[in-house]
């Protein structure tokens, strides 16, 4: 039983054992979510940062077992958006009021270091913050992207359990993933990472380790979402991750890392029609609406049932803005940097 006194949840020395106990105890979830929301309000306020997401290529060299973009999926209609068009998408996003652009893709080697730097420079001329989410690269590439103007980098660890990581990521190296995260931090990026909740063979103990890892590495943004099995992956027959458990991992991350940015992930809303709003009321303060047009949205299928694939960017913007305002929150007019950076 979780006790609601003696600052049980907000003491500085937050042990793995305490986190495990909270994750296992479902009797006081509403209080947990309420506390996370209160800490969010005290530390980052009522502003919600909208970040325009451009999914510019679904081509990927990796074979991650949970992801529909994996190179072994022959059923997917592959695409890549040309550099000039990526910048045009960014311009349209700025015209819609976005202060941050998020460039996301599979690990597509077509976008070399030089190509990415030209894209980065073109977008930074629009006076926006820029987040990259394009996977594992060398230190030199990361440095070049930073020198070109990139502000943030999102590279989810997905799980800190080395054995589970190896199971989920054939031909990838856990230690190299850690190297990438440390390089990004060394280079001065705002560092984003996160995990999937509900992976096959995942334990509550490993989820506790994930939360402690986010804190130890000094992440500036943490994205947490439930595992959703894709029919064209090796995990197609496994159980979907639990929405409430994912929400609890997110809430605990807010309680421990009080002033970071936490997105209300799209995967949350795929499992629950009000998922992003519930997340915003449980510690989240960021939403990343898709600003890619409909011709590409359905093709960027990391998991099935993704929301808003038939909507245009302006529809997504108006829809989420209305939802945010309906719960008394404010659309931020700033670039939304982690205030301690």
C-alpha atoms as a PDB file:
ATOM      1  CA  UNK A   1       0.000   0.000   0.000  1.00  0.00           C
ATOM      2  CA  UNK A   2       1.318   3.434  -0.934  1.00  0.00           C
ATOM      3  CA  UNK A   3       1.246   5.804   2.017  1.00  0.00           C
ATOM      4  CA  UNK A   4       0.118   9.367   1.404  1.00  0.00           C
ATOM      5  CA  UNK A   5       2.151  10.951   4.165  1.00  0.00           C
ATOM      6  CA  UNK A   6       5.758  11.757   5.074  1.00  0.00           C
ATOM      7  CA  UNK A   7       6.347  12.881   1.490  1.00  0.00           C
ATOM      8  CA  UNK A   8       6.550   9.226   0.482  1.00  0.00           C
ATOM      9  CA  UNK A   9       6.735   9.988  -3.223  1.00  0.00           C
ATOM     10  CA  UNK A  10       8.785  13.159  -3.272  1.00  0.00           C
ATOM     11  CA  UNK A  11      11.678  12.371  -0.969  1.00  0.00           C
ATOM     12  CA  UNK A  12      15.046  12.993  -2.608  1.00  0.00           C
ATOM     13  CA  UNK A  13      16.407   9.478  -2.126  1.00  0.00           C
ATOM     14  CA  UNK A  14      14.025   7.690  -4.481  1.00  0.00           C
ATOM     15  CA  UNK A  15      15.061   4.049  -4.408  1.00  0.00           C
ATOM     16  CA  UNK A  16      14.371   1.325  -6.928  1.00  0.00           C
ATOM     17  CA  UNK A  17      12.394  -0.551  -4.300  1.00  0.00           C
ATOM     18  CA  UNK A  18      10.046   2.377  -3.735  1.00  0.00           C
ATOM     19  CA  UNK A  19       9.433   2.779  -7.471  1.00  0.00           C
ATOM     20  CA  UNK A  20       8.674  -0.935  -7.830  1.00  0.00           C
ATOM     21  CA  UNK A  21       6.222  -0.791  -4.933  1.00  0.00           C
ATOM     22  CA  UNK A  22       4.377   2.115  -6.549  1.00  0.00           C
ATOM     23  CA  UNK A  23       4.256   0.463  -9.968  1.00  0.00           C
ATOM     24  CA  UNK A  24       2.803  -2.708  -8.434  1.00  0.00           C
ATOM     25  CA  UNK A  25       0.192  -0.924  -6.294  1.00  0.00           C
ATOM     26  CA  UNK A  26      -2.912   0.082  -8.259  1.00  0.00           C
ATOM     27  CA  UNK A  27      -5.020   1.099  -5.286  1.00  0.00           C
ATOM     28  CA  UNK A  28      -4.063   4.778  -5.354  1.00  0.00           C
ATOM     29  CA  UNK A  29      -3.402   5.515  -8.993  1.00  0.00           C
ATOM     30  CA  UNK A  30      -5.604   8.591  -9.102  1.00  0.00           C
ATOM     31  CA  UNK A  31      -3.703  10.137  -6.234  1.00  0.00           C
ATOM     32  CA  UNK A  32      -0.415   9.333  -7.992  1.00  0.00           C
ATOM     33  CA  UNK A  33      -1.587  11.008 -11.199  1.00  0.00           C
ATOM     34  CA  UNK A  34      -2.882  13.995  -9.258  1.00  0.00           C
ATOM     35  CA  UNK A  35       0.466  14.425  -7.504  1.00  0.00           C
ATOM     36  CA  UNK A  36       2.320  14.269 -10.823  1.00  0.00           C
ATOM     37  CA  UNK A  37      -0.011  16.929 -12.223  1.00  0.00           C
ATOM     38  CA  UNK A  38       0.567  19.120  -9.180  1.00  0.00           C
ATOM     39  CA  UNK A  39       4.352  18.804  -9.520  1.00  0.00           C
ATOM     40  CA  UNK A  40       4.054  19.582 -13.236  1.00  0.00           C
ATOM     41  CA  UNK A  41       2.098  22.740 -12.458  1.00  0.00           C
ATOM     42  CA  UNK A  42       4.557  23.872  -9.788  1.00  0.00           C
ATOM     43  CA  UNK A  43       7.657  23.314 -11.908  1.00  0.00           C
ATOM     44  CA  UNK A  44       6.750  23.930 -15.570  1.00  0.00           C
ATOM     45  CA  UNK A  45       3.397  25.703 -15.280  1.00  0.00           C
ATOM     46  CA  UNK A  46       0.214  25.355 -17.311  1.00  0.00           C
ATOM     47  CA  UNK A  47       1.741  25.955 -20.730  1.00  0.00           C
ATOM     48  CA  UNK A  48       1.636  23.089 -23.224  1.00  0.00           C
ATOM     49  CA  UNK A  49       4.364  23.140 -25.849  1.00  0.00           C
ATOM     50  CA  UNK A  50       3.191  22.120 -29.319  1.00  0.00           C
ATOM     51  CA  UNK A  51       5.974  20.726 -31.485  1.00  0.00           C
ATOM     52  CA  UNK A  52       5.407  20.141 -35.189  1.00  0.00           C
ATOM     53  CA  UNK A  53       6.424  16.611 -36.159  1.00  0.00           C
ATOM     54  CA  UNK A  54       7.687  15.875 -39.677  1.00  0.00           C
ATOM     55  CA  UNK A  55       8.069  12.154 -40.423  1.00  0.00           C
ATOM     56  CA  UNK A  56      10.348  12.549 -43.437  1.00  0.00           C
ATOM     57  CA  UNK A  57      11.369   8.955 -44.239  1.00  0.00           C
ATOM     58  CA  UNK A  58      10.046   5.517 -43.322  1.00  0.00           C
ATOM     59  CA  UNK A  59      13.130   3.763 -44.712  1.00  0.00           C
ATOM     60  CA  UNK A  60      15.168   2.093 -41.972  1.00  0.00           C
ATOM     61  CA  UNK A  61      18.195  -0.173 -41.900  1.00  0.00           C
ATOM     62  CA  UNK A  62      17.306  -1.588 -38.467  1.00  0.00           C
ATOM     63  CA  UNK A  63      15.387  -4.752 -37.559  1.00  0.00           C
ATOM     64  CA  UNK A  64      13.827  -3.723 -34.226  1.00  0.00           C
ATOM     65  CA  UNK A  65      11.275  -6.425 -33.472  1.00  0.00           C
ATOM     66  CA  UNK A  66       8.501  -4.063 -32.312  1.00  0.00           C
ATOM     67  CA  UNK A  67       8.657  -1.526 -35.147  1.00  0.00           C
ATOM     68  CA  UNK A  68       6.666  -1.541 -38.377  1.00  0.00           C
ATOM     69  CA  UNK A  69       9.445   0.392 -40.144  1.00  0.00           C
ATOM     70  CA  UNK A  70      11.941  -2.472 -39.690  1.00  0.00           C
ATOM     71  CA  UNK A  71      13.815  -3.218 -42.899  1.00  0.00           C
ATOM     72  CA  UNK A  72      12.481  -6.791 -43.052  1.00  0.00           C
ATOM     73  CA  UNK A  73       8.871  -5.568 -43.357  1.00  0.00           C
ATOM     74  CA  UNK A  74       8.177  -5.991 -47.076  1.00  0.00           C
ATOM     75  CA  UNK A  75       4.523  -4.936 -46.824  1.00  0.00           C
ATOM     76  CA  UNK A  76       5.195  -1.264 -46.175  1.00  0.00           C
ATOM     77  CA  UNK A  77       5.128   1.400 -48.922  1.00  0.00           C
ATOM     78  CA  UNK A  78       8.461   3.146 -48.445  1.00  0.00           C
ATOM     79  CA  UNK A  79       9.029   6.867 -48.994  1.00  0.00           C
ATOM     80  CA  UNK A  80      11.459   9.660 -48.327  1.00  0.00           C
ATOM     81  CA  UNK A  81      10.825  13.402 -48.523  1.00  0.00           C
ATOM     82  CA  UNK A  82      13.421  15.482 -50.336  1.00  0.00           C
ATOM     83  CA  UNK A  83      15.419  18.081 -48.360  1.00  0.00           C
ATOM     84  CA  UNK A  84      13.821  21.134 -49.997  1.00  0.00           C
ATOM     85  CA  UNK A  85      10.357  19.747 -49.273  1.00  0.00           C
ATOM     86  CA  UNK A  86      11.264  19.080 -45.627  1.00  0.00           C
ATOM     87  CA  UNK A  87      12.126  22.760 -45.294  1.00  0.00           C
ATOM     88  CA  UNK A  88       8.837  23.696 -46.995  1.00  0.00           C
ATOM     89  CA  UNK A  89       6.918  21.546 -44.506  1.00  0.00           C
ATOM     90  CA  UNK A  90       8.772  23.350 -41.734  1.00  0.00           C
ATOM     91  CA  UNK A  91       7.822  26.734 -43.189  1.00  0.00           C
ATOM     92  CA  UNK A  92       4.153  25.732 -43.215  1.00  0.00           C
ATOM     93  CA  UNK A  93       4.439  24.554 -39.609  1.00  0.00           C
ATOM     94  CA  UNK A  94       5.888  27.916 -38.593  1.00  0.00           C
ATOM     95  CA  UNK A  95       2.993  29.663 -40.347  1.00  0.00           C
ATOM     96  CA  UNK A  96       0.619  27.553 -38.213  1.00  0.00           C
ATOM     97  CA  UNK A  97       2.333  28.850 -35.078  1.00  0.00           C
ATOM     98  CA  UNK A  98       4.752  26.061 -34.156  1.00  0.00           C
ATOM     99  CA  UNK A  99       7.876  27.166 -32.291  1.00  0.00           C
ATOM    100  CA  UNK A 100       9.651  23.805 -32.516  1.00  0.00           C
ATOM    101  CA  UNK A 101      10.100  21.445 -35.455  1.00  0.00           C
ATOM    102  CA  UNK A 102      10.776  17.751 -34.817  1.00  0.00           C
ATOM    103  CA  UNK A 103      12.397  15.831 -37.681  1.00  0.00           C
ATOM    104  CA  UNK A 104      11.858  12.097 -37.322  1.00  0.00           C
ATOM    105  CA  UNK A 105      12.746   9.193 -39.604  1.00  0.00           C
ATOM    106  CA  UNK A 106      13.934   5.640 -39.746  1.00  0.00           C
ATOM    107  CA  UNK A 107      17.697   5.194 -39.920  1.00  0.00           C
ATOM    108  CA  UNK A 108      17.920   6.112 -43.587  1.00  0.00           C
ATOM    109  CA  UNK A 109      21.487   6.498 -44.866  1.00  0.00           C
ATOM    110  CA  UNK A 110      20.323   8.612 -47.811  1.00  0.00           C
ATOM    111  CA  UNK A 111      20.359  11.557 -45.397  1.00  0.00           C
ATOM    112  CA  UNK A 112      24.107  11.876 -44.988  1.00  0.00           C
ATOM    113  CA  UNK A 113      25.738  14.256 -42.545  1.00  0.00           C
ATOM    114  CA  UNK A 114      26.085  16.934 -45.244  1.00  0.00           C
ATOM    115  CA  UNK A 115      22.461  16.544 -46.372  1.00  0.00           C
ATOM    116  CA  UNK A 116      21.165  16.763 -42.807  1.00  0.00           C
ATOM    117  CA  UNK A 117      23.273  19.853 -42.101  1.00  0.00           C
ATOM    118  CA  UNK A 118      21.763  21.644 -45.092  1.00  0.00           C
ATOM    119  CA  UNK A 119      18.262  20.747 -43.904  1.00  0.00           C
ATOM    120  CA  UNK A 120      19.075  21.915 -40.380  1.00  0.00           C
ATOM    121  CA  UNK A 121      20.425  25.262 -41.591  1.00  0.00           C
ATOM    122  CA  UNK A 122      17.360  25.813 -43.769  1.00  0.00           C
ATOM    123  CA  UNK A 123      14.989  25.157 -40.889  1.00  0.00           C
ATOM    124  CA  UNK A 124      16.960  27.248 -38.389  1.00  0.00           C
ATOM    125  CA  UNK A 125      16.563  30.225 -40.733  1.00  0.00           C
ATOM    126  CA  UNK A 126      12.866  30.058 -39.782  1.00  0.00           C
ATOM    127  CA  UNK A 127      13.668  31.035 -36.162  1.00  0.00           C
ATOM    128  CA  UNK A 128      12.451  27.838 -34.508  1.00  0.00           C
ATOM    129  CA  UNK A 129      13.909  25.277 -32.139  1.00  0.00           C
ATOM    130  CA  UNK A 130      14.838  22.042 -33.891  1.00  0.00           C
ATOM    131  CA  UNK A 131      14.708  18.495 -32.567  1.00  0.00           C
ATOM    132  CA  UNK A 132      16.233  15.587 -34.465  1.00  0.00           C
ATOM    133  CA  UNK A 133      15.122  11.975 -34.061  1.00  0.00           C
ATOM    134  CA  UNK A 134      17.088  10.043 -36.658  1.00  0.00           C
ATOM    135  CA  UNK A 135      18.824   7.318 -34.666  1.00  0.00           C
ATOM    136  CA  UNK A 136      22.387   6.340 -33.965  1.00  0.00           C
ATOM    137  CA  UNK A 137      25.155   8.403 -35.543  1.00  0.00           C
ATOM    138  CA  UNK A 138      28.836   9.048 -34.939  1.00  0.00           C
ATOM    139  CA  UNK A 139      30.124  11.702 -32.534  1.00  0.00           C
ATOM    140  CA  UNK A 140      31.314  13.715 -35.535  1.00  0.00           C
ATOM    141  CA  UNK A 141      27.849  13.637 -37.122  1.00  0.00           C
ATOM    142  CA  UNK A 142      26.197  14.724 -33.892  1.00  0.00           C
ATOM    143  CA  UNK A 143      28.716  17.554 -33.569  1.00  0.00           C
ATOM    144  CA  UNK A 144      28.108  18.666 -37.151  1.00  0.00           C
ATOM    145  CA  UNK A 145      24.339  18.705 -36.585  1.00  0.00           C
ATOM    146  CA  UNK A 146      24.815  20.770 -33.410  1.00  0.00           C
ATOM    147  CA  UNK A 147      27.149  23.195 -35.175  1.00  0.00           C
ATOM    148  CA  UNK A 148      24.567  23.547 -37.962  1.00  0.00           C
ATOM    149  CA  UNK A 149      21.969  24.625 -35.387  1.00  0.00           C
ATOM    150  CA  UNK A 150      20.148  21.554 -34.037  1.00  0.00           C
ATOM    151  CA  UNK A 151      18.965  22.144 -30.476  1.00  0.00           C
ATOM    152  CA  UNK A 152      17.583  18.817 -29.275  1.00  0.00           C
ATOM    153  CA  UNK A 153      17.972  15.148 -30.036  1.00  0.00           C
ATOM    154  CA  UNK A 154      15.498  12.395 -29.242  1.00  0.00           C
ATOM    155  CA  UNK A 155      16.960   8.890 -28.951  1.00  0.00           C
ATOM    156  CA  UNK A 156      14.831   6.514 -26.922  1.00  0.00           C
ATOM    157  CA  UNK A 157      16.613   3.744 -25.049  1.00  0.00           C
ATOM    158  CA  UNK A 158      13.317   1.728 -25.087  1.00  0.00           C
ATOM    159  CA  UNK A 159      14.619  -0.507 -22.277  1.00  0.00           C
ATOM    160  CA  UNK A 160      17.669  -0.400 -20.014  1.00  0.00           C
ATOM    161  CA  UNK A 161      17.531  -4.169 -19.493  1.00  0.00           C
ATOM    162  CA  UNK A 162      20.544  -5.253 -21.593  1.00  0.00           C
ATOM    163  CA  UNK A 163      19.217  -8.766 -22.219  1.00  0.00           C
ATOM    164  CA  UNK A 164      15.806  -7.470 -23.243  1.00  0.00           C
ATOM    165  CA  UNK A 165      17.409  -4.775 -25.386  1.00  0.00           C
ATOM    166  CA  UNK A 166      19.355  -7.468 -27.225  1.00  0.00           C
ATOM    167  CA  UNK A 167      16.176  -9.524 -27.736  1.00  0.00           C
ATOM    168  CA  UNK A 168      14.301  -6.539 -29.166  1.00  0.00           C
ATOM    169  CA  UNK A 169      17.146  -5.088 -31.269  1.00  0.00           C
ATOM    170  CA  UNK A 170      18.926  -7.714 -33.402  1.00  0.00           C
ATOM    171  CA  UNK A 171      22.374  -6.644 -34.635  1.00  0.00           C
ATOM    172  CA  UNK A 172      22.378  -3.563 -32.400  1.00  0.00           C
ATOM    173  CA  UNK A 173      24.686  -2.793 -29.485  1.00  0.00           C
ATOM    174  CA  UNK A 174      23.297  -1.583 -26.154  1.00  0.00           C
ATOM    175  CA  UNK A 175      26.626  -0.004 -25.230  1.00  0.00           C
ATOM    176  CA  UNK A 176      26.654   1.976 -28.466  1.00  0.00           C
ATOM    177  CA  UNK A 177      23.167   3.285 -27.656  1.00  0.00           C
ATOM    178  CA  UNK A 178      24.503   4.521 -24.326  1.00  0.00           C
ATOM    179  CA  UNK A 179      27.512   6.013 -26.111  1.00  0.00           C
ATOM    180  CA  UNK A 180      25.198   7.980 -28.383  1.00  0.00           C
ATOM    181  CA  UNK A 181      23.198   9.358 -25.463  1.00  0.00           C
ATOM    182  CA  UNK A 182      26.362  10.405 -23.631  1.00  0.00           C
ATOM    183  CA  UNK A 183      27.817  12.001 -26.763  1.00  0.00           C
ATOM    184  CA  UNK A 184      24.643  14.031 -27.252  1.00  0.00           C
ATOM    185  CA  UNK A 185      24.760  15.232 -23.661  1.00  0.00           C
ATOM    186  CA  UNK A 186      28.463  16.098 -23.960  1.00  0.00           C
ATOM    187  CA  UNK A 187      27.789  18.146 -27.092  1.00  0.00           C
ATOM    188  CA  UNK A 188      25.194  20.274 -25.331  1.00  0.00           C
ATOM    189  CA  UNK A 189      21.994  19.023 -26.910  1.00  0.00           C
ATOM    190  CA  UNK A 190      18.779  18.993 -24.959  1.00  0.00           C
ATOM    191  CA  UNK A 191      18.601  15.234 -24.608  1.00  0.00           C
ATOM    192  CA  UNK A 192      15.405  13.300 -25.137  1.00  0.00           C
ATOM    193  CA  UNK A 193      15.012   9.606 -24.436  1.00  0.00           C
ATOM    194  CA  UNK A 194      12.290   7.244 -23.215  1.00  0.00           C
ATOM    195  CA  UNK A 195      10.941   3.719 -23.100  1.00  0.00           C
ATOM    196  CA  UNK A 196       8.252   1.363 -24.288  1.00  0.00           C
ATOM    197  CA  UNK A 197       6.010  -0.085 -21.590  1.00  0.00           C
ATOM    198  CA  UNK A 198       4.737  -3.623 -22.064  1.00  0.00           C
ATOM    199  CA  UNK A 199       7.451  -5.217 -24.193  1.00  0.00           C
ATOM    200  CA  UNK A 200       7.439  -9.031 -24.038  1.00  0.00           C
ATOM    201  CA  UNK A 201       9.534 -10.284 -21.087  1.00  0.00           C
ATOM    202  CA  UNK A 202       9.740  -6.791 -19.591  1.00  0.00           C
ATOM    203  CA  UNK A 203       9.503  -6.622 -15.797  1.00  0.00           C
ATOM    204  CA  UNK A 204       8.386  -3.953 -13.356  1.00  0.00           C
ATOM    205  CA  UNK A 205      11.925  -4.059 -11.997  1.00  0.00           C
ATOM    206  CA  UNK A 206      13.354  -3.091 -15.389  1.00  0.00           C
ATOM    207  CA  UNK A 207      10.842  -0.260 -15.710  1.00  0.00           C
ATOM    208  CA  UNK A 208      12.095   1.056 -12.374  1.00  0.00           C
ATOM    209  CA  UNK A 209      15.620   0.902 -13.774  1.00  0.00           C
ATOM    210  CA  UNK A 210      14.445   2.849 -16.825  1.00  0.00           C
ATOM    211  CA  UNK A 211      13.121   5.686 -14.660  1.00  0.00           C
ATOM    212  CA  UNK A 212      16.304   5.832 -12.609  1.00  0.00           C
ATOM    213  CA  UNK A 213      18.358   5.821 -15.824  1.00  0.00           C
ATOM    214  CA  UNK A 214      16.479   8.838 -17.192  1.00  0.00           C
ATOM    215  CA  UNK A 215      17.368  10.721 -14.028  1.00  0.00           C
ATOM    216  CA  UNK A 216      20.988   9.550 -13.931  1.00  0.00           C
ATOM    217  CA  UNK A 217      21.745  10.519 -17.521  1.00  0.00           C
ATOM    218  CA  UNK A 218      20.165  13.952 -17.011  1.00  0.00           C
ATOM    219  CA  UNK A 219      17.519  13.718 -19.719  1.00  0.00           C
ATOM    220  CA  UNK A 220      15.772  16.962 -20.617  1.00  0.00           C
ATOM    221  CA  UNK A 221      12.780  15.232 -22.196  1.00  0.00           C
ATOM    222  CA  UNK A 222      11.375  11.738 -21.608  1.00  0.00           C
ATOM    223  CA  UNK A 223       8.795  10.112 -23.860  1.00  0.00           C
ATOM    224  CA  UNK A 224       6.915   7.069 -22.578  1.00  0.00           C
ATOM    225  CA  UNK A 225       4.392   5.033 -24.500  1.00  0.00           C
ATOM    226  CA  UNK A 226       2.723   1.627 -24.407  1.00  0.00           C
ATOM    227  CA  UNK A 227       3.918  -1.185 -26.641  1.00  0.00           C
ATOM    228  CA  UNK A 228       1.461  -1.787 -29.501  1.00  0.00           C
ATOM    229  CA  UNK A 229       2.138  -4.935 -31.569  1.00  0.00           C
ATOM    230  CA  UNK A 230       2.436  -4.458 -35.320  1.00  0.00           C
ATOM    231  CA  UNK A 231       1.067  -7.250 -37.555  1.00  0.00           C
ATOM    232  CA  UNK A 232       4.157  -7.278 -39.783  1.00  0.00           C
ATOM    233  CA  UNK A 233       6.692  -7.787 -36.991  1.00  0.00           C
ATOM    234  CA  UNK A 234       7.885 -10.789 -34.967  1.00  0.00           C
ATOM    235  CA  UNK A 235       5.894  -9.475 -31.978  1.00  0.00           C
ATOM    236  CA  UNK A 236       2.556  -9.454 -33.798  1.00  0.00           C
ATOM    237  CA  UNK A 237       0.928 -11.995 -31.480  1.00  0.00           C
ATOM    238  CA  UNK A 238       2.033 -10.495 -28.186  1.00  0.00           C
ATOM    239  CA  UNK A 239      -0.178  -8.580 -25.770  1.00  0.00           C
ATOM    240  CA  UNK A 240      -0.563  -4.809 -26.061  1.00  0.00           C
ATOM    241  CA  UNK A 241       1.070  -2.786 -23.297  1.00  0.00           C
ATOM    242  CA  UNK A 242      -1.078  -1.535 -20.434  1.00  0.00           C
ATOM    243  CA  UNK A 243      -2.202   2.092 -20.727  1.00  0.00           C
ATOM    244  CA  UNK A 244      -2.380   2.619 -16.974  1.00  0.00           C
ATOM    245  CA  UNK A 245       1.078   1.197 -16.330  1.00  0.00           C
ATOM    246  CA  UNK A 246       2.544   3.438 -19.033  1.00  0.00           C
ATOM    247  CA  UNK A 247       0.789   6.394 -17.410  1.00  0.00           C
ATOM    248  CA  UNK A 248       2.255   5.450 -14.030  1.00  0.00           C
ATOM    249  CA  UNK A 249       5.785   5.253 -15.435  1.00  0.00           C
ATOM    250  CA  UNK A 250       5.246   8.703 -16.950  1.00  0.00           C
ATOM    251  CA  UNK A 251       3.828  10.124 -13.704  1.00  0.00           C
ATOM    252  CA  UNK A 252       6.724   8.783 -11.646  1.00  0.00           C
ATOM    253  CA  UNK A 253       9.174  10.253 -14.135  1.00  0.00           C
ATOM    254  CA  UNK A 254       7.545  13.654 -13.587  1.00  0.00           C
ATOM    255  CA  UNK A 255       7.616  13.269  -9.804  1.00  0.00           C
ATOM    256  CA  UNK A 256      11.317  12.398  -9.800  1.00  0.00           C
ATOM    257  CA  UNK A 257      12.457  14.718 -12.628  1.00  0.00           C
ATOM    258  CA  UNK A 258      10.271  17.647 -11.733  1.00  0.00           C
ATOM    259  CA  UNK A 259      11.085  20.273 -14.373  1.00  0.00           C
ATOM    260  CA  UNK A 260      11.770  18.254 -17.541  1.00  0.00           C
ATOM    261  CA  UNK A 261       9.584  18.183 -20.648  1.00  0.00           C
ATOM    262  CA  UNK A 262       7.322  15.146 -20.991  1.00  0.00           C
ATOM    263  CA  UNK A 263       5.202  14.550 -24.102  1.00  0.00           C
ATOM    264  CA  UNK A 264       1.709  13.141 -24.084  1.00  0.00           C
ATOM    265  CA  UNK A 265       2.507  10.496 -26.689  1.00  0.00           C
ATOM    266  CA  UNK A 266       0.342   9.584 -29.647  1.00  0.00           C
ATOM    267  CA  UNK A 267       0.506   5.915 -28.653  1.00  0.00           C
ATOM    268  CA  UNK A 268      -1.379   6.800 -25.453  1.00  0.00           C
ATOM    269  CA  UNK A 269      -4.289   8.054 -27.545  1.00  0.00           C
ATOM    270  CA  UNK A 270      -4.170   5.023 -29.800  1.00  0.00           C
ATOM    271  CA  UNK A 271      -5.142   2.916 -26.766  1.00  0.00           C
ATOM    272  CA  UNK A 272      -7.458   5.445 -25.131  1.00  0.00           C
ATOM    273  CA  UNK A 273      -9.543   8.043 -27.065  1.00  0.00           C
ATOM    274  CA  UNK A 274      -8.619  10.651 -24.443  1.00  0.00           C
ATOM    275  CA  UNK A 275      -5.091   9.361 -23.915  1.00  0.00           C
ATOM    276  CA  UNK A 276      -3.177  12.561 -24.567  1.00  0.00           C
ATOM    277  CA  UNK A 277      -5.471  14.661 -22.403  1.00  0.00           C
ATOM    278  CA  UNK A 278      -5.254  12.122 -19.579  1.00  0.00           C
ATOM    279  CA  UNK A 279      -1.449  12.232 -19.932  1.00  0.00           C
ATOM    280  CA  UNK A 280      -1.495  16.035 -19.802  1.00  0.00           C
ATOM    281  CA  UNK A 281      -3.448  15.755 -16.550  1.00  0.00           C
ATOM    282  CA  UNK A 282      -0.944  13.242 -15.157  1.00  0.00           C
ATOM    283  CA  UNK A 283       2.343  15.088 -15.593  1.00  0.00           C
ATOM    284  CA  UNK A 284       2.862  15.718 -19.322  1.00  0.00           C
ATOM    285  CA  UNK A 285       3.400  19.187 -20.796  1.00  0.00           C
ATOM    286  CA  UNK A 286       4.265  18.599 -24.485  1.00  0.00           C
ATOM    287  CA  UNK A 287       2.258  17.437 -27.504  1.00  0.00           C
ATOM    288  CA  UNK A 288       3.751  16.739 -30.936  1.00  0.00           C
ATOM    289  CA  UNK A 289       1.059  17.106 -33.610  1.00  0.00           C
ATOM    290  CA  UNK A 290       1.918  15.672 -37.001  1.00  0.00           C
ATOM    291  CA  UNK A 291       2.578  18.302 -39.678  1.00  0.00           C
ATOM    292  CA  UNK A 292       3.306  15.752 -42.417  1.00  0.00           C
ATOM    293  CA  UNK A 293       0.559  15.619 -45.052  1.00  0.00           C
ATOM    294  CA  UNK A 294      -1.853  12.707 -45.449  1.00  0.00           C
ATOM    295  CA  UNK A 295       0.018  11.126 -48.360  1.00  0.00           C
ATOM    296  CA  UNK A 296       2.779  10.081 -45.957  1.00  0.00           C
ATOM    297  CA  UNK A 297       1.117   9.738 -42.554  1.00  0.00           C
ATOM    298  CA  UNK A 298      -0.339   6.246 -42.939  1.00  0.00           C
ATOM    299  CA  UNK A 299       2.979   5.013 -44.356  1.00  0.00           C
ATOM    300  CA  UNK A 300       4.897   5.951 -41.209  1.00  0.00           C
ATOM    301  CA  UNK A 301       3.404   3.052 -39.301  1.00  0.00           C
ATOM    302  CA  UNK A 302       5.622   2.203 -36.356  1.00  0.00           C
ATOM    303  CA  UNK A 303       2.540   0.604 -34.788  1.00  0.00           C
ATOM    304  CA  UNK A 304      -0.998   0.051 -36.127  1.00  0.00           C
ATOM    305  CA  UNK A 305      -4.044   2.181 -35.390  1.00  0.00           C
ATOM    306  CA  UNK A 306      -2.123   5.440 -35.260  1.00  0.00           C
ATOM    307  CA  UNK A 307      -4.445   8.401 -34.770  1.00  0.00           C
ATOM    308  CA  UNK A 308      -5.037  11.281 -37.193  1.00  0.00           C
ATOM    309  CA  UNK A 309      -3.606   9.553 -40.291  1.00  0.00           C
ATOM    310  CA  UNK A 310      -6.435  10.916 -42.446  1.00  0.00           C
ATOM    311  CA  UNK A 311      -6.206  14.498 -41.203  1.00  0.00           C
ATOM    312  CA  UNK A 312      -4.295  17.418 -42.639  1.00  0.00           C
ATOM    313  CA  UNK A 313      -1.850  19.358 -40.426  1.00  0.00           C
ATOM    314  CA  UNK A 314      -4.206  22.290 -39.852  1.00  0.00           C
ATOM    315  CA  UNK A 315      -6.938  19.926 -38.638  1.00  0.00           C
ATOM    316  CA  UNK A 316      -4.557  18.317 -36.135  1.00  0.00           C
ATOM    317  CA  UNK A 317      -3.475  21.706 -34.858  1.00  0.00           C
ATOM    318  CA  UNK A 318      -7.020  22.978 -34.309  1.00  0.00           C
ATOM    319  CA  UNK A 319      -8.170  19.711 -32.754  1.00  0.00           C
ATOM    320  CA  UNK A 320      -5.434  19.374 -30.163  1.00  0.00           C
ATOM    321  CA  UNK A 321      -5.500  23.090 -29.384  1.00  0.00           C
ATOM    322  CA  UNK A 322      -9.221  22.857 -28.566  1.00  0.00           C
ATOM    323  CA  UNK A 323      -8.638  19.821 -26.347  1.00  0.00           C
ATOM    324  CA  UNK A 324      -5.818  21.530 -24.467  1.00  0.00           C
ATOM    325  CA  UNK A 325      -7.880  24.645 -23.833  1.00  0.00           C
ATOM    326  CA  UNK A 326     -10.835  22.526 -22.675  1.00  0.00           C
ATOM    327  CA  UNK A 327      -8.826  21.432 -19.614  1.00  0.00           C
ATOM    328  CA  UNK A 328      -7.740  24.957 -18.748  1.00  0.00           C
ATOM    329  CA  UNK A 329      -4.226  24.719 -20.123  1.00  0.00           C
ATOM    330  CA  UNK A 330      -2.433  27.323 -22.247  1.00  0.00           C
ATOM    331  CA  UNK A 331      -0.745  26.928 -25.640  1.00  0.00           C
ATOM    332  CA  UNK A 332       2.829  28.091 -25.169  1.00  0.00           C
ATOM    333  CA  UNK A 333       4.194  30.844 -27.389  1.00  0.00           C
ATOM    334  CA  UNK A 334       7.818  29.993 -26.535  1.00  0.00           C
ATOM    335  CA  UNK A 335      10.288  27.467 -27.917  1.00  0.00           C
ATOM    336  CA  UNK A 336       9.930  25.401 -24.766  1.00  0.00           C
ATOM    337  CA  UNK A 337      13.516  24.758 -23.763  1.00  0.00           C
ATOM    338  CA  UNK A 338      14.167  22.844 -20.556  1.00  0.00           C
ATOM    339  CA  UNK A 339      14.565  25.756 -18.189  1.00  0.00           C
ATOM    340  CA  UNK A 340      17.692  24.413 -16.488  1.00  0.00           C
ATOM    341  CA  UNK A 341      19.607  24.310 -19.782  1.00  0.00           C
END
